[in-house]
Amino acid sequence: MTTATTVTTTFDADRRWHLHERVALRPEPFGALAYHYGNRRLTFLRSPDLVDLVERLADEPSARAAFTAAGIDDRRWPSFEKALTSLAAGDFIVPEESS
């Protein structure tokens, strides 16, 4: 009997994240389409602010720092954390490896 093992990435806003190397973003008027060439998943980033945040993730020491750099109001952070959690679960964004 073979069993499948699923690895779930838990989003931690205090970690540094980046777009998976096999993910491409295509700008759209509503935000962007994200396509993962590895797992063939497609998702919509339904806000230009979310696209900006995702693009900033690798440049900042943590996701929280990226929120600040993107100028996202603190009151909106929970909804962005929810979106990033979903992107992490789909392997669109991945945490930086600890050194």
Protein backbone atom coordinates (compact mmCIF):
# COMPACT_ATOMS: atom_id res chain seq x y z
CA MET A 1 0.00 0.00 0.00
CA THR A 2 1.34 3.43 -0.96
CA THR A 3 0.41 6.54 0.98
CA ALA A 4 0.87 10.07 -0.22
CA THR A 5 2.59 12.53 2.05
CA THR A 6 1.54 16.15 1.90
CA VAL A 7 3.82 18.86 3.20
CA THR A 8 1.95 21.95 4.27
CA THR A 9 3.82 25.22 4.57
CA THR A 10 2.58 27.38 7.41
CA PHE A 11 2.78 31.08 6.64
CA ASP A 12 4.81 33.01 9.20
CA ALA A 13 4.78 36.79 8.65
CA ASP A 14 8.00 37.14 10.63
CA ARG A 15 9.96 35.11 8.05
CA ARG A 16 11.39 36.21 4.72
CA TRP A 17 9.46 34.82 1.74
CA HIS A 18 9.88 34.92 -2.03
CA LEU A 19 8.00 33.95 -5.15
CA HIS A 20 8.70 30.32 -6.05
CA GLU A 21 11.26 30.12 -8.84
CA ARG A 22 8.74 28.29 -11.06
CA VAL A 23 6.02 30.94 -10.66
CA ALA A 24 5.36 33.66 -13.20
CA LEU A 25 3.20 36.73 -12.62
CA ARG A 26 1.29 38.25 -15.52
CA PRO A 27 0.05 41.78 -14.81
CA GLU A 28 -3.67 42.34 -15.33
CA PRO A 29 -5.93 45.38 -14.69
CA PHE A 30 -7.30 43.70 -11.54
CA GLY A 31 -3.85 42.71 -10.20
CA ALA A 32 -2.13 39.67 -11.72
CA LEU A 33 -2.39 36.06 -12.73
CA ALA A 34 0.11 33.75 -11.05
CA TYR A 35 0.98 30.50 -12.80
CA HIS A 36 3.09 27.78 -11.18
CA TYR A 37 4.93 25.86 -13.89
CA GLY A 38 5.81 23.09 -11.44
CA ASN A 39 2.39 22.11 -10.15
CA ARG A 40 0.43 23.75 -13.00
CA ARG A 41 -1.75 25.78 -10.67
CA LEU A 42 -3.18 29.14 -11.62
CA THR A 43 -4.38 31.75 -9.16
CA PHE A 44 -5.54 35.33 -9.28
CA LEU A 45 -3.94 38.11 -7.27
CA ARG A 46 -7.04 40.30 -7.11
CA SER A 47 -5.40 43.50 -5.97
CA PRO A 48 -2.53 45.62 -7.26
CA ASP A 49 -1.54 46.07 -3.59
CA LEU A 50 -1.20 42.30 -3.20
CA VAL A 51 0.92 42.09 -6.36
CA ASP A 52 3.18 44.84 -5.03
CA LEU A 53 3.47 43.04 -1.69
CA VAL A 54 4.32 39.69 -3.29
CA GLU A 55 6.96 41.33 -5.47
CA ARG A 56 8.53 42.99 -2.39
CA LEU A 57 8.70 39.85 -0.23
CA ALA A 58 12.22 38.82 -1.30
CA ASP A 59 13.61 42.32 -0.79
CA GLU A 60 12.59 42.65 2.86
CA PRO A 61 13.74 40.78 5.99
CA SER A 62 10.18 39.56 6.71
CA ALA A 63 6.68 39.62 5.30
CA ARG A 64 5.75 42.20 7.95
CA ALA A 65 8.55 44.47 6.72
CA ALA A 66 7.22 44.00 3.18
CA PHE A 67 3.76 45.15 4.39
CA THR A 68 5.34 48.33 5.69
CA ALA A 69 7.48 48.84 2.57
CA ALA A 70 4.37 48.44 0.40
CA GLY A 71 2.55 51.08 2.46
CA ILE A 72 -0.23 48.72 3.51
CA ASP A 73 -2.28 50.08 6.41
CA ASP A 74 -1.99 47.95 9.57
CA ARG A 75 -5.77 47.40 9.60
CA ARG A 76 -5.53 45.63 6.23
CA TRP A 77 -2.73 43.25 7.28
CA PRO A 78 -5.02 40.37 8.35
CA SER A 79 -6.57 40.14 4.88
CA PHE A 80 -3.13 40.23 3.25
CA GLU A 81 -1.85 37.57 5.68
CA LYS A 82 -4.81 35.41 4.66
CA ALA A 83 -3.94 35.87 0.97
CA LEU A 84 -0.26 35.07 1.61
CA THR A 85 -1.26 31.99 3.62
CA SER A 86 -3.21 30.78 0.60
CA LEU A 87 -0.28 31.51 -1.73
CA ALA A 88 2.07 29.60 0.60
CA ALA A 89 -0.32 26.63 0.73
CA GLY A 90 -0.31 26.54 -3.08
CA ASP A 91 3.50 26.78 -3.17
CA PHE A 92 3.35 30.12 -5.02
CA ILE A 93 5.50 31.71 -2.33
CA VAL A 94 8.12 29.88 -0.29
CA PRO A 95 10.08 30.78 2.82
CA GLU A 96 13.75 31.63 2.59
CA GLU A 97 15.93 28.82 3.84
CA SER A 98 17.50 29.42 7.22
CA SER A 99 21.25 29.80 7.09
